[in-house]
Structures are given as C-alpha cells and as structure tokens.
C-alpha cells in the first residue's frame, strides 16, 4: 500500500510539472497570436497603401494622356518625315 502511495505522489508531482509547462505553452501561444495579429495589421496597411498608390498612378497616367493630347494634334497637323 505504501508503494502505491509513493507512486501516486510521484505522479501528482509530474502532473503538476506538466500543468505548469502547459500554462507556459498557453502563454507563449497567446504571445505568438498577438504578434501574428500585428503582422496581419501591417500587411493590411501595406495593401491599402499599395491600392492607394495604384489609384494615384492610374490618375497620373490619365492626366498625362490628357495633357499630351495637344502635342498629338500638332503632330497630326505638321507631320515630320
């Protein structure tokens, strides 16, 4: 009977260690989750910035096309050989 009590005490001690390690893992995983959320927000901000830049570049192309129209008209009126 004493052997069973000793084995139970050893198992209780080991379960306590496992429990502590699991708490530490949960803390680590929560930290990782927090960092991944930060990365996700950064990627979202980068995506929004790229979309904004794309829209501005498209507007710039439209403006350049519009501003070069008079030069194309002159080229049609005075063709170069």
C-alpha atoms as a PDB file:
ATOM      1  CA  UNK A   1       0.000   0.000   0.000  1.00  0.00           C
ATOM      2  CA  UNK A   2       2.876   2.307   0.767  1.00  0.00           C
ATOM      3  CA  UNK A   3       4.300   1.721  -2.732  1.00  0.00           C
ATOM      4  CA  UNK A   4       1.040   2.814  -4.307  1.00  0.00           C
ATOM      5  CA  UNK A   5       1.006   5.969  -2.170  1.00  0.00           C
ATOM      6  CA  UNK A   6       4.569   6.775  -3.226  1.00  0.00           C
ATOM      7  CA  UNK A   7       3.783   6.188  -6.931  1.00  0.00           C
ATOM      8  CA  UNK A   8       0.680   8.377  -6.606  1.00  0.00           C
ATOM      9  CA  UNK A   9       2.774  11.165  -5.049  1.00  0.00           C
ATOM     10  CA  UNK A  10       5.330  10.904  -7.889  1.00  0.00           C
ATOM     11  CA  UNK A  11       2.526  11.022 -10.453  1.00  0.00           C
ATOM     12  CA  UNK A  12       0.960  14.050  -8.724  1.00  0.00           C
ATOM     13  CA  UNK A  13       4.337  15.833  -8.822  1.00  0.00           C
ATOM     14  CA  UNK A  14       4.796  15.012 -12.518  1.00  0.00           C
ATOM     15  CA  UNK A  15       1.260  16.155 -13.306  1.00  0.00           C
ATOM     16  CA  UNK A  16       1.995  19.445 -11.549  1.00  0.00           C
ATOM     17  CA  UNK A  17       5.104  19.913 -13.716  1.00  0.00           C
ATOM     18  CA  UNK A  18       3.144  19.084 -16.860  1.00  0.00           C
ATOM     19  CA  UNK A  19       0.419  21.508 -15.818  1.00  0.00           C
ATOM     20  CA  UNK A  20       2.982  24.293 -15.324  1.00  0.00           C
ATOM     21  CA  UNK A  21       4.557  23.602 -18.710  1.00  0.00           C
ATOM     22  CA  UNK A  22       1.139  23.674 -20.360  1.00  0.00           C
ATOM     23  CA  UNK A  23       0.410  27.057 -18.763  1.00  0.00           C
ATOM     24  CA  UNK A  24       3.727  28.308 -20.126  1.00  0.00           C
ATOM     25  CA  UNK A  25       2.814  26.976 -23.598  1.00  0.00           C
ATOM     26  CA  UNK A  26      -0.543  28.745 -23.469  1.00  0.00           C
ATOM     27  CA  UNK A  27       1.223  31.997 -22.565  1.00  0.00           C
ATOM     28  CA  UNK A  28       3.690  31.530 -25.417  1.00  0.00           C
ATOM     29  CA  UNK A  29       0.914  30.734 -27.904  1.00  0.00           C
ATOM     30  CA  UNK A  30      -1.022  33.823 -26.817  1.00  0.00           C
ATOM     31  CA  UNK A  31       2.107  35.913 -27.406  1.00  0.00           C
ATOM     32  CA  UNK A  32       2.518  34.390 -30.856  1.00  0.00           C
ATOM     33  CA  UNK A  33      -1.157  35.097 -31.587  1.00  0.00           C
ATOM     34  CA  UNK A  34      -0.626  38.735 -30.576  1.00  0.00           C
ATOM     35  CA  UNK A  35       2.402  39.068 -32.881  1.00  0.00           C
ATOM     36  CA  UNK A  36       0.583  37.407 -35.792  1.00  0.00           C
ATOM     37  CA  UNK A  37      -2.289  39.864 -35.334  1.00  0.00           C
ATOM     38  CA  UNK A  38       0.222  42.713 -35.516  1.00  0.00           C
ATOM     39  CA  UNK A  39       1.726  41.273 -38.702  1.00  0.00           C
ATOM     40  CA  UNK A  40      -1.748  40.888 -40.179  1.00  0.00           C
ATOM     41  CA  UNK A  41      -2.497  44.563 -39.474  1.00  0.00           C
ATOM     42  CA  UNK A  42       0.834  45.605 -41.006  1.00  0.00           C
ATOM     43  CA  UNK A  43       0.116  43.590 -44.155  1.00  0.00           C
ATOM     44  CA  UNK A  44      -3.338  45.138 -44.352  1.00  0.00           C
ATOM     45  CA  UNK A  45      -1.838  48.630 -44.062  1.00  0.00           C
ATOM     46  CA  UNK A  46       0.713  47.810 -46.780  1.00  0.00           C
ATOM     47  CA  UNK A  47      -2.074  46.504 -49.015  1.00  0.00           C
ATOM     48  CA  UNK A  48      -4.127  49.662 -48.505  1.00  0.00           C
ATOM     49  CA  UNK A  49      -1.101  51.833 -49.251  1.00  0.00           C
ATOM     50  CA  UNK A  50      -0.364  49.894 -52.454  1.00  0.00           C
ATOM     51  CA  UNK A  51      -4.005  50.246 -53.548  1.00  0.00           C
ATOM     52  CA  UNK A  52      -3.836  53.998 -52.902  1.00  0.00           C
ATOM     53  CA  UNK A  53      -0.574  54.281 -54.856  1.00  0.00           C
ATOM     54  CA  UNK A  54      -2.093  52.269 -57.724  1.00  0.00           C
ATOM     55  CA  UNK A  55      -5.078  54.607 -57.898  1.00  0.00           C
ATOM     56  CA  UNK A  56      -2.758  57.633 -57.943  1.00  0.00           C
ATOM     57  CA  UNK A  57      -0.602  56.131 -60.701  1.00  0.00           C
ATOM     58  CA  UNK A  58      -3.703  55.439 -62.777  1.00  0.00           C
ATOM     59  CA  UNK A  59      -4.823  59.055 -62.305  1.00  0.00           C
ATOM     60  CA  UNK A  60      -1.340  60.231 -63.263  1.00  0.00           C
ATOM     61  CA  UNK A  61      -1.473  58.153 -66.457  1.00  0.00           C
ATOM     62  CA  UNK A  62      -4.881  59.595 -67.293  1.00  0.00           C
ATOM     63  CA  UNK A  63      -3.617  63.147 -66.690  1.00  0.00           C
ATOM     64  CA  UNK A  64      -0.516  62.565 -68.829  1.00  0.00           C
ATOM     65  CA  UNK A  65      -2.663  61.218 -71.637  1.00  0.00           C
ATOM     66  CA  UNK A  66      -4.973  64.240 -71.399  1.00  0.00           C
ATOM     67  CA  UNK A  67      -2.098  66.740 -71.255  1.00  0.00           C
ATOM     68  CA  UNK A  68      -0.313  65.210 -74.252  1.00  0.00           C
ATOM     69  CA  UNK A  69      -3.391  65.480 -76.487  1.00  0.00           C
ATOM     70  CA  UNK A  70      -2.451  68.946 -77.853  1.00  0.00           C
ATOM     71  CA  UNK A  71       1.021  67.685 -78.822  1.00  0.00           C
ATOM     72  CA  UNK A  72      -0.532  64.766 -80.700  1.00  0.00           C
ATOM     73  CA  UNK A  73      -2.835  67.182 -82.514  1.00  0.00           C
ATOM     74  CA  UNK A  74       0.177  69.274 -83.582  1.00  0.00           C
ATOM     75  CA  UNK A  75       1.938  66.130 -84.807  1.00  0.00           C
ATOM     76  CA  UNK A  76      -1.093  65.377 -86.978  1.00  0.00           C
ATOM     77  CA  UNK A  77      -1.146  68.909 -88.395  1.00  0.00           C
ATOM     78  CA  UNK A  78       2.617  69.068 -89.062  1.00  0.00           C
ATOM     79  CA  UNK A  79       3.839  65.558 -89.816  1.00  0.00           C
ATOM     80  CA  UNK A  80       7.580  65.026 -89.656  1.00  0.00           C
ATOM     81  CA  UNK A  81       9.201  62.961 -92.401  1.00  0.00           C
END
